[in-house]
Amino acid sequence: MNAAILEHSKNNGAIFLDADGCYKIRVKAHDALTALTPYSIGLDGTDWVTAALANTAKYQFVGVPLGSVASGAYANLVIGGEVDNVVVPSATHTAGYGIKIHAGAVTEEGASYIANATYLNDWAVGMETQAVAATALKMFLVQHVTGMRLATTV
C-alpha cells in the first residue's frame, strides 16, 4: 500500500481505494467483528461505527471485514469490490442476482441485479451459481460505486 493511501486510511470515515482494488471505509467496531461477515455501517455522533444487520430506513453502508476485528478497534471494511467467501445463510445462489438485507439477514433478491426494479436496496451482486446450499458466496459489493444507498429493507 502506498504511503498516501496508508495515511488517508487512518482517518475514521475515510473512504479510499486500496491496493487490492477494493473501496474501503475506516470504521470503529461496535463489537468483535467476524471476518467476511457483513455489517451495517452508520454515523454515530462523530464516528462511523459498525452494527449488526437490521431492518432500517436509514441510509447506510454494508461493509465486510477481511479479517477479525476486536471490539472498539478501528478497521478498514470493504464497501466496494470483489470479496470471496462472504458469510451468508445457507441457501442456493444464482450468479448475477442482487443481494440485499431482509429481516436482519443477507438474502438473494431473486432477480438479476440489472433487471431488478428495487436494486436500490441491493448492496452486492452474487458472482457465482451454487446449486447446493452454501454458507459462503463470492460477491461484488456495489455500494461505493453508486454512492450511499438504503442498505436494508423490511
N, C-alpha and C. Protein backbone atom coordinates (compact mmCIF):
# COMPACT_ATOMS: atom_id res chain seq x y z
N MET A 1 0.86 -1.17 0.00
CA MET A 1 0.00 0.00 0.00
C MET A 1 0.90 1.23 0.00
N ASN A 2 0.59 2.21 -0.86
CA ASN A 2 1.47 3.39 -0.89
C ASN A 2 1.21 4.29 0.32
N ALA A 3 2.15 5.16 0.60
CA ALA A 3 2.10 5.99 1.82
C ALA A 3 0.88 6.88 1.86
N ALA A 4 0.45 7.44 0.73
CA ALA A 4 -0.71 8.32 0.71
C ALA A 4 -1.98 7.57 1.09
N ILE A 5 -2.15 6.36 0.55
CA ILE A 5 -3.32 5.55 0.90
C ILE A 5 -3.25 5.18 2.38
N LEU A 6 -2.11 4.75 2.85
CA LEU A 6 -1.95 4.34 4.23
C LEU A 6 -2.29 5.49 5.18
N GLU A 7 -1.80 6.69 4.90
CA GLU A 7 -2.07 7.84 5.76
C GLU A 7 -3.55 8.19 5.76
N HIS A 8 -4.17 8.22 4.59
CA HIS A 8 -5.59 8.56 4.47
C HIS A 8 -6.46 7.52 5.17
N SER A 9 -6.05 6.25 5.12
CA SER A 9 -6.87 5.18 5.68
C SER A 9 -6.88 5.16 7.20
N LYS A 10 -6.12 6.04 7.85
CA LYS A 10 -6.11 6.10 9.32
C LYS A 10 -7.25 6.94 9.87
N ASN A 11 -7.92 7.74 9.04
CA ASN A 11 -8.98 8.62 9.50
C ASN A 11 -10.32 7.90 9.52
N ASN A 12 -11.05 8.00 10.66
CA ASN A 12 -12.36 7.37 10.76
C ASN A 12 -13.29 7.97 9.71
N GLY A 13 -13.99 7.12 8.98
CA GLY A 13 -14.91 7.55 7.94
C GLY A 13 -14.26 7.76 6.60
N ALA A 14 -12.94 7.63 6.52
CA ALA A 14 -12.25 7.81 5.24
C ALA A 14 -12.62 6.68 4.29
N ILE A 15 -12.95 7.04 3.07
CA ILE A 15 -13.21 6.06 2.02
C ILE A 15 -12.06 6.15 1.03
N PHE A 16 -11.49 5.02 0.69
CA PHE A 16 -10.32 5.02 -0.18
C PHE A 16 -10.28 3.75 -1.01
N LEU A 17 -9.59 3.83 -2.14
CA LEU A 17 -9.35 2.67 -3.00
C LEU A 17 -8.04 2.05 -2.56
N ASP A 18 -8.11 0.81 -2.08
CA ASP A 18 -6.93 0.12 -1.57
C ASP A 18 -6.16 -0.54 -2.71
N ALA A 19 -4.96 -0.98 -2.41
CA ALA A 19 -4.09 -1.61 -3.41
C ALA A 19 -4.70 -2.90 -3.96
N ASP A 20 -5.65 -3.52 -3.22
CA ASP A 20 -6.28 -4.76 -3.69
C ASP A 20 -7.43 -4.49 -4.66
N GLY A 21 -7.68 -3.22 -4.97
CA GLY A 21 -8.73 -2.86 -5.93
C GLY A 21 -10.10 -2.70 -5.30
N CYS A 22 -10.20 -2.76 -3.98
CA CYS A 22 -11.47 -2.61 -3.29
C CYS A 22 -11.58 -1.23 -2.65
N TYR A 23 -12.81 -0.70 -2.65
CA TYR A 23 -13.08 0.51 -1.89
C TYR A 23 -13.32 0.11 -0.45
N LYS A 24 -12.72 0.84 0.47
CA LYS A 24 -12.85 0.53 1.89
C LYS A 24 -13.19 1.80 2.67
N ILE A 25 -13.78 1.59 3.84
CA ILE A 25 -14.09 2.69 4.74
C ILE A 25 -13.51 2.36 6.11
N ARG A 26 -12.93 3.35 6.75
CA ARG A 26 -12.34 3.19 8.08
C ARG A 26 -13.45 3.39 9.12
N VAL A 27 -13.68 2.38 9.97
CA VAL A 27 -14.77 2.42 10.95
C VAL A 27 -14.33 1.87 12.29
N LYS A 28 -15.14 2.14 13.31
CA LYS A 28 -14.92 1.61 14.64
C LYS A 28 -15.85 0.40 14.84
N ALA A 29 -15.31 -0.69 15.35
CA ALA A 29 -16.09 -1.91 15.56
C ALA A 29 -16.99 -1.76 16.79
N HIS A 30 -18.28 -1.99 16.63
CA HIS A 30 -19.23 -1.90 17.74
C HIS A 30 -19.08 -3.07 18.71
N ASP A 31 -18.54 -4.14 18.23
CA ASP A 31 -18.35 -5.38 18.98
C ASP A 31 -17.26 -6.13 18.22
N ALA A 32 -16.89 -7.31 18.67
CA ALA A 32 -15.92 -8.10 17.91
C ALA A 32 -16.54 -8.46 16.56
N LEU A 33 -15.80 -8.20 15.47
CA LEU A 33 -16.30 -8.49 14.13
C LEU A 33 -15.68 -9.78 13.62
N THR A 34 -16.49 -10.59 12.97
CA THR A 34 -16.06 -11.84 12.39
C THR A 34 -15.65 -11.61 10.94
N ALA A 35 -14.52 -12.15 10.56
CA ALA A 35 -14.03 -12.00 9.19
C ALA A 35 -15.07 -12.45 8.17
N LEU A 36 -15.21 -11.69 7.09
CA LEU A 36 -16.05 -11.99 5.94
C LEU A 36 -17.54 -12.00 6.24
N THR A 37 -17.94 -11.42 7.37
CA THR A 37 -19.35 -11.31 7.74
C THR A 37 -19.81 -9.87 7.49
N PRO A 38 -20.93 -9.67 6.79
CA PRO A 38 -21.41 -8.31 6.53
C PRO A 38 -21.93 -7.62 7.79
N TYR A 39 -21.65 -6.32 7.90
CA TYR A 39 -22.14 -5.47 8.99
C TYR A 39 -22.65 -4.17 8.40
N SER A 40 -23.64 -3.57 9.05
CA SER A 40 -24.05 -2.24 8.61
C SER A 40 -23.09 -1.22 9.21
N ILE A 41 -22.97 -0.08 8.52
CA ILE A 41 -22.07 0.98 8.95
C ILE A 41 -22.84 2.29 8.91
N GLY A 42 -22.86 2.98 10.04
CA GLY A 42 -23.56 4.25 10.10
C GLY A 42 -22.82 5.23 10.96
N LEU A 43 -23.23 6.49 10.87
CA LEU A 43 -22.61 7.55 11.64
C LEU A 43 -23.23 7.59 13.03
N ASP A 44 -22.39 7.52 14.05
CA ASP A 44 -22.83 7.57 15.45
C ASP A 44 -22.13 8.75 16.10
N GLY A 45 -22.76 9.91 16.09
CA GLY A 45 -22.10 11.11 16.58
C GLY A 45 -21.06 11.55 15.57
N THR A 46 -19.80 11.43 15.94
CA THR A 46 -18.72 11.82 15.03
C THR A 46 -17.95 10.63 14.48
N ASP A 47 -18.30 9.42 14.90
CA ASP A 47 -17.61 8.21 14.45
C ASP A 47 -18.48 7.40 13.50
N TRP A 48 -17.85 6.81 12.49
CA TRP A 48 -18.50 5.79 11.68
C TRP A 48 -18.32 4.47 12.42
N VAL A 49 -19.43 3.80 12.73
CA VAL A 49 -19.42 2.62 13.60
C VAL A 49 -20.20 1.48 12.93
N THR A 50 -19.72 0.27 13.13
CA THR A 50 -20.43 -0.91 12.63
C THR A 50 -21.62 -1.22 13.54
N ALA A 51 -22.51 -2.03 13.03
CA ALA A 51 -23.65 -2.55 13.80
C ALA A 51 -24.07 -3.87 13.17
N ALA A 52 -24.78 -4.67 13.94
CA ALA A 52 -25.33 -5.90 13.37
C ALA A 52 -26.35 -5.53 12.30
N LEU A 53 -26.53 -6.39 11.31
CA LEU A 53 -27.51 -6.13 10.27
C LEU A 53 -28.91 -6.09 10.87
N ALA A 54 -29.68 -5.12 10.46
CA ALA A 54 -31.05 -4.98 10.94
C ALA A 54 -31.84 -4.18 9.92
N ASN A 55 -33.17 -4.33 9.94
CA ASN A 55 -34.00 -3.54 9.05
C ASN A 55 -34.02 -2.10 9.52
N THR A 56 -33.88 -1.18 8.59
CA THR A 56 -33.89 0.24 8.93
C THR A 56 -34.25 1.05 7.70
N ALA A 57 -34.71 2.25 7.90
CA ALA A 57 -34.99 3.16 6.79
C ALA A 57 -33.86 4.16 6.63
N LYS A 58 -32.78 3.99 7.39
CA LYS A 58 -31.64 4.90 7.32
C LYS A 58 -30.72 4.54 6.16
N TYR A 59 -30.08 5.56 5.62
CA TYR A 59 -29.05 5.31 4.61
C TYR A 59 -27.79 4.85 5.31
N GLN A 60 -27.23 3.75 4.85
CA GLN A 60 -26.06 3.16 5.47
C GLN A 60 -25.20 2.50 4.41
N PHE A 61 -24.01 2.14 4.82
CA PHE A 61 -23.18 1.24 4.04
C PHE A 61 -23.33 -0.15 4.63
N VAL A 62 -23.06 -1.17 3.80
CA VAL A 62 -22.84 -2.52 4.31
C VAL A 62 -21.38 -2.81 4.00
N GLY A 63 -20.64 -3.22 5.03
CA GLY A 63 -19.22 -3.47 4.87
C GLY A 63 -18.84 -4.86 5.32
N VAL A 64 -17.74 -5.35 4.77
CA VAL A 64 -17.26 -6.69 5.09
C VAL A 64 -15.80 -6.59 5.54
N PRO A 65 -15.50 -7.00 6.79
CA PRO A 65 -14.10 -7.04 7.22
C PRO A 65 -13.41 -8.26 6.63
N LEU A 66 -12.19 -8.07 6.15
CA LEU A 66 -11.46 -9.21 5.57
C LEU A 66 -10.80 -10.07 6.64
N GLY A 67 -10.68 -9.54 7.84
CA GLY A 67 -10.13 -10.29 8.98
C GLY A 67 -10.94 -10.00 10.22
N SER A 68 -10.68 -10.70 11.30
CA SER A 68 -11.37 -10.44 12.56
C SER A 68 -10.94 -9.09 13.12
N VAL A 69 -11.85 -8.42 13.84
CA VAL A 69 -11.58 -7.11 14.41
C VAL A 69 -12.06 -7.11 15.87
N ALA A 70 -11.22 -6.64 16.78
CA ALA A 70 -11.59 -6.58 18.20
C ALA A 70 -12.61 -5.48 18.45
N SER A 71 -13.44 -5.66 19.44
CA SER A 71 -14.43 -4.66 19.83
C SER A 71 -13.75 -3.33 20.14
N GLY A 72 -14.27 -2.24 19.58
CA GLY A 72 -13.73 -0.91 19.84
C GLY A 72 -12.53 -0.55 18.98
N ALA A 73 -12.00 -1.50 18.22
CA ALA A 73 -10.84 -1.24 17.36
C ALA A 73 -11.30 -0.59 16.06
N TYR A 74 -10.37 0.09 15.40
CA TYR A 74 -10.65 0.67 14.08
C TYR A 74 -10.14 -0.27 13.01
N ALA A 75 -10.91 -0.37 11.92
CA ALA A 75 -10.54 -1.28 10.84
C ALA A 75 -11.09 -0.75 9.52
N ASN A 76 -10.53 -1.25 8.43
CA ASN A 76 -10.99 -0.89 7.09
C ASN A 76 -11.89 -2.02 6.58
N LEU A 77 -13.16 -1.71 6.32
CA LEU A 77 -14.10 -2.69 5.80
C LEU A 77 -14.35 -2.43 4.32
N VAL A 78 -14.48 -3.51 3.56
CA VAL A 78 -14.76 -3.40 2.12
C VAL A 78 -16.20 -2.96 1.93
N ILE A 79 -16.40 -1.91 1.11
CA ILE A 79 -17.75 -1.48 0.74
C ILE A 79 -17.94 -1.48 -0.78
N GLY A 80 -16.89 -1.75 -1.51
CA GLY A 80 -16.97 -1.80 -2.96
C GLY A 80 -15.87 -2.66 -3.52
N GLY A 81 -16.25 -3.64 -4.34
CA GLY A 81 -15.25 -4.51 -4.93
C GLY A 81 -15.56 -5.98 -4.71
N GLU A 82 -14.69 -6.82 -5.21
CA GLU A 82 -14.87 -8.26 -5.16
C GLU A 82 -14.35 -8.85 -3.85
N VAL A 83 -15.18 -9.69 -3.22
CA VAL A 83 -14.79 -10.36 -1.97
C VAL A 83 -15.19 -11.83 -2.08
N ASP A 84 -14.24 -12.72 -1.85
CA ASP A 84 -14.51 -14.16 -1.85
C ASP A 84 -15.06 -14.60 -0.50
N ASN A 85 -15.93 -15.59 -0.51
CA ASN A 85 -16.38 -16.30 0.69
C ASN A 85 -17.07 -15.42 1.73
N VAL A 86 -17.93 -14.50 1.28
CA VAL A 86 -18.72 -13.70 2.22
C VAL A 86 -19.71 -14.63 2.91
N VAL A 87 -19.83 -14.51 4.22
CA VAL A 87 -20.71 -15.37 5.01
C VAL A 87 -22.18 -15.03 4.71
N VAL A 88 -22.95 -16.04 4.35
CA VAL A 88 -24.38 -15.89 4.05
C VAL A 88 -25.13 -17.04 4.70
N PRO A 89 -26.44 -16.86 4.96
CA PRO A 89 -27.22 -18.00 5.44
C PRO A 89 -27.23 -19.11 4.40
N SER A 90 -27.33 -20.34 4.82
CA SER A 90 -27.31 -21.47 3.91
C SER A 90 -28.44 -21.37 2.89
N ALA A 91 -28.06 -21.33 1.61
CA ALA A 91 -29.04 -21.21 0.53
C ALA A 91 -28.36 -21.50 -0.80
N THR A 92 -29.16 -21.68 -1.84
CA THR A 92 -28.61 -21.76 -3.19
C THR A 92 -28.51 -20.34 -3.74
N HIS A 93 -27.68 -20.13 -4.75
CA HIS A 93 -27.45 -18.79 -5.28
C HIS A 93 -27.33 -18.83 -6.80
N THR A 94 -27.66 -17.71 -7.42
CA THR A 94 -27.55 -17.57 -8.87
C THR A 94 -26.64 -16.40 -9.20
N ALA A 95 -25.64 -16.64 -10.02
CA ALA A 95 -24.72 -15.57 -10.42
C ALA A 95 -25.50 -14.43 -11.06
N GLY A 96 -25.16 -13.20 -10.69
CA GLY A 96 -25.78 -12.02 -11.27
C GLY A 96 -27.00 -11.52 -10.51
N TYR A 97 -27.48 -12.27 -9.52
CA TYR A 97 -28.63 -11.83 -8.74
C TYR A 97 -28.18 -10.83 -7.67
N GLY A 98 -29.06 -9.88 -7.39
CA GLY A 98 -28.78 -8.88 -6.37
C GLY A 98 -28.81 -9.48 -4.98
N ILE A 99 -28.06 -8.88 -4.06
CA ILE A 99 -28.01 -9.31 -2.66
C ILE A 99 -28.51 -8.15 -1.81
N LYS A 100 -29.42 -8.43 -0.88
CA LYS A 100 -29.97 -7.39 -0.01
C LYS A 100 -30.00 -7.90 1.43
N ILE A 101 -30.43 -7.03 2.33
CA ILE A 101 -30.65 -7.41 3.72
C ILE A 101 -32.16 -7.47 3.93
N HIS A 102 -32.64 -8.56 4.48
CA HIS A 102 -34.06 -8.70 4.79
C HIS A 102 -34.18 -9.42 6.12
N ALA A 103 -34.96 -8.85 7.03
CA ALA A 103 -35.15 -9.42 8.36
C ALA A 103 -33.81 -9.65 9.06
N GLY A 104 -32.87 -8.71 8.86
CA GLY A 104 -31.59 -8.78 9.54
C GLY A 104 -30.62 -9.82 9.00
N ALA A 105 -30.91 -10.36 7.81
CA ALA A 105 -30.03 -11.38 7.23
C ALA A 105 -29.76 -11.07 5.77
N VAL A 106 -28.66 -11.62 5.28
CA VAL A 106 -28.31 -11.49 3.87
C VAL A 106 -29.22 -12.41 3.06
N THR A 107 -29.88 -11.87 2.03
CA THR A 107 -30.74 -12.69 1.18
C THR A 107 -30.50 -12.33 -0.28
N GLU A 108 -30.82 -13.29 -1.15
CA GLU A 108 -30.70 -13.04 -2.58
C GLU A 108 -32.00 -12.42 -3.05
N GLU A 109 -31.90 -11.44 -3.94
CA GLU A 109 -33.06 -10.69 -4.43
C GLU A 109 -34.01 -11.57 -5.22
N GLY A 110 -33.50 -12.58 -5.90
CA GLY A 110 -34.37 -13.43 -6.71
C GLY A 110 -34.54 -12.89 -8.12
N ALA A 111 -33.70 -11.90 -8.46
CA ALA A 111 -33.75 -11.33 -9.81
C ALA A 111 -32.38 -10.78 -10.15
N SER A 112 -32.12 -10.66 -11.42
CA SER A 112 -30.87 -10.09 -11.88
C SER A 112 -30.69 -8.69 -11.30
N TYR A 113 -29.49 -8.38 -10.88
CA TYR A 113 -29.21 -7.06 -10.31
C TYR A 113 -29.62 -5.95 -11.28
N ILE A 114 -29.31 -6.11 -12.55
CA ILE A 114 -29.60 -5.07 -13.54
C ILE A 114 -31.09 -4.98 -13.83
N ALA A 115 -31.79 -6.10 -13.88
CA ALA A 115 -33.20 -6.10 -14.23
C ALA A 115 -34.11 -5.81 -13.05
N ASN A 116 -33.56 -5.79 -11.85
CA ASN A 116 -34.37 -5.66 -10.65
C ASN A 116 -34.81 -4.21 -10.43
N ALA A 117 -36.10 -3.97 -10.39
CA ALA A 117 -36.62 -2.61 -10.20
C ALA A 117 -36.31 -2.05 -8.82
N THR A 118 -36.05 -2.91 -7.84
CA THR A 118 -35.77 -2.43 -6.48
C THR A 118 -34.29 -2.54 -6.16
N TYR A 119 -33.44 -2.47 -7.18
CA TYR A 119 -32.00 -2.66 -6.97
C TYR A 119 -31.39 -1.65 -6.00
N LEU A 120 -32.06 -0.55 -5.72
CA LEU A 120 -31.50 0.43 -4.79
C LEU A 120 -31.31 -0.17 -3.40
N ASN A 121 -32.00 -1.26 -3.09
CA ASN A 121 -31.81 -1.93 -1.81
C ASN A 121 -30.71 -2.97 -1.86
N ASP A 122 -30.20 -3.27 -3.03
CA ASP A 122 -29.16 -4.28 -3.18
C ASP A 122 -27.80 -3.65 -2.91
N TRP A 123 -26.98 -4.33 -2.13
CA TRP A 123 -25.65 -3.80 -1.81
C TRP A 123 -24.54 -4.65 -2.42
N ALA A 124 -24.92 -5.73 -3.07
CA ALA A 124 -23.92 -6.59 -3.70
C ALA A 124 -24.58 -7.41 -4.80
N VAL A 125 -23.73 -8.04 -5.61
CA VAL A 125 -24.17 -8.95 -6.66
C VAL A 125 -23.45 -10.27 -6.46
N GLY A 126 -24.19 -11.37 -6.44
CA GLY A 126 -23.57 -12.69 -6.35
C GLY A 126 -22.78 -12.97 -7.61
N MET A 127 -21.58 -13.52 -7.48
CA MET A 127 -20.71 -13.76 -8.65
C MET A 127 -20.58 -15.23 -9.00
N GLU A 128 -21.34 -16.08 -8.32
CA GLU A 128 -21.25 -17.50 -8.65
C GLU A 128 -22.60 -18.16 -8.43
N THR A 129 -22.84 -19.22 -9.19
CA THR A 129 -24.05 -20.01 -9.02
C THR A 129 -23.72 -21.20 -8.13
N GLN A 130 -24.57 -21.43 -7.15
CA GLN A 130 -24.40 -22.56 -6.23
C GLN A 130 -25.70 -23.34 -6.20
N ALA A 131 -25.71 -24.50 -6.84
CA ALA A 131 -26.91 -25.33 -6.91
C ALA A 131 -27.18 -26.04 -5.58
N VAL A 132 -26.13 -26.23 -4.79
CA VAL A 132 -26.26 -26.86 -3.48
C VAL A 132 -26.14 -25.75 -2.44
N ALA A 133 -26.98 -25.81 -1.40
CA ALA A 133 -26.96 -24.77 -0.37
C ALA A 133 -25.55 -24.56 0.17
N ALA A 134 -25.16 -23.29 0.27
CA ALA A 134 -23.82 -22.95 0.73
C ALA A 134 -23.90 -21.80 1.72
N THR A 135 -22.86 -21.65 2.53
CA THR A 135 -22.83 -20.59 3.54
C THR A 135 -21.77 -19.54 3.24
N ALA A 136 -21.19 -19.57 2.06
CA ALA A 136 -20.21 -18.57 1.64
C ALA A 136 -20.42 -18.29 0.16
N LEU A 137 -20.29 -17.02 -0.24
CA LEU A 137 -20.57 -16.63 -1.61
C LEU A 137 -19.59 -15.57 -2.07
N LYS A 138 -19.06 -15.74 -3.27
CA LYS A 138 -18.23 -14.71 -3.88
C LYS A 138 -19.14 -13.59 -4.34
N MET A 139 -18.86 -12.35 -3.90
CA MET A 139 -19.73 -11.22 -4.21
C MET A 139 -18.94 -10.05 -4.76
N PHE A 140 -19.63 -9.21 -5.51
CA PHE A 140 -19.10 -7.91 -5.89
C PHE A 140 -19.94 -6.88 -5.16
N LEU A 141 -19.34 -6.19 -4.19
CA LEU A 141 -20.04 -5.17 -3.43
C LEU A 141 -20.10 -3.91 -4.29
N VAL A 142 -21.30 -3.37 -4.47
CA VAL A 142 -21.50 -2.27 -5.41
C VAL A 142 -21.78 -0.94 -4.73
N GLN A 143 -21.85 -0.91 -3.43
CA GLN A 143 -22.28 0.31 -2.75
C GLN A 143 -21.47 1.53 -3.09
N HIS A 144 -20.17 1.45 -3.01
CA HIS A 144 -19.41 2.67 -3.22
C HIS A 144 -19.45 3.12 -4.68
N VAL A 145 -19.60 2.19 -5.57
CA VAL A 145 -19.63 2.53 -6.99
C VAL A 145 -20.80 3.45 -7.28
N THR A 146 -21.94 3.23 -6.63
CA THR A 146 -23.14 4.03 -6.88
C THR A 146 -23.46 5.01 -5.77
N GLY A 147 -22.63 5.09 -4.74
CA GLY A 147 -22.87 6.00 -3.64
C GLY A 147 -23.65 5.34 -2.51
N MET A 148 -23.94 6.11 -1.48
CA MET A 148 -24.67 5.56 -0.34
C MET A 148 -26.07 5.20 -0.77
N ARG A 149 -26.56 4.12 -0.26
CA ARG A 149 -27.90 3.67 -0.63
C ARG A 149 -28.59 3.08 0.59
N LEU A 150 -29.87 2.85 0.45
CA LEU A 150 -30.62 2.22 1.53
C LEU A 150 -30.18 0.77 1.62
N ALA A 151 -29.53 0.43 2.72
CA ALA A 151 -28.89 -0.88 2.81
C ALA A 151 -29.84 -1.98 3.24
N THR A 152 -30.91 -1.64 3.90
CA THR A 152 -31.77 -2.69 4.42
C THR A 152 -33.22 -2.43 4.06
N THR A 153 -34.00 -3.48 4.00
CA THR A 153 -35.42 -3.35 3.71
C THR A 153 -36.22 -4.19 4.70
N VAL A 154 -37.48 -3.89 4.82
CA VAL A 154 -38.37 -4.63 5.72
C VAL A 154 -39.05 -5.74 4.97
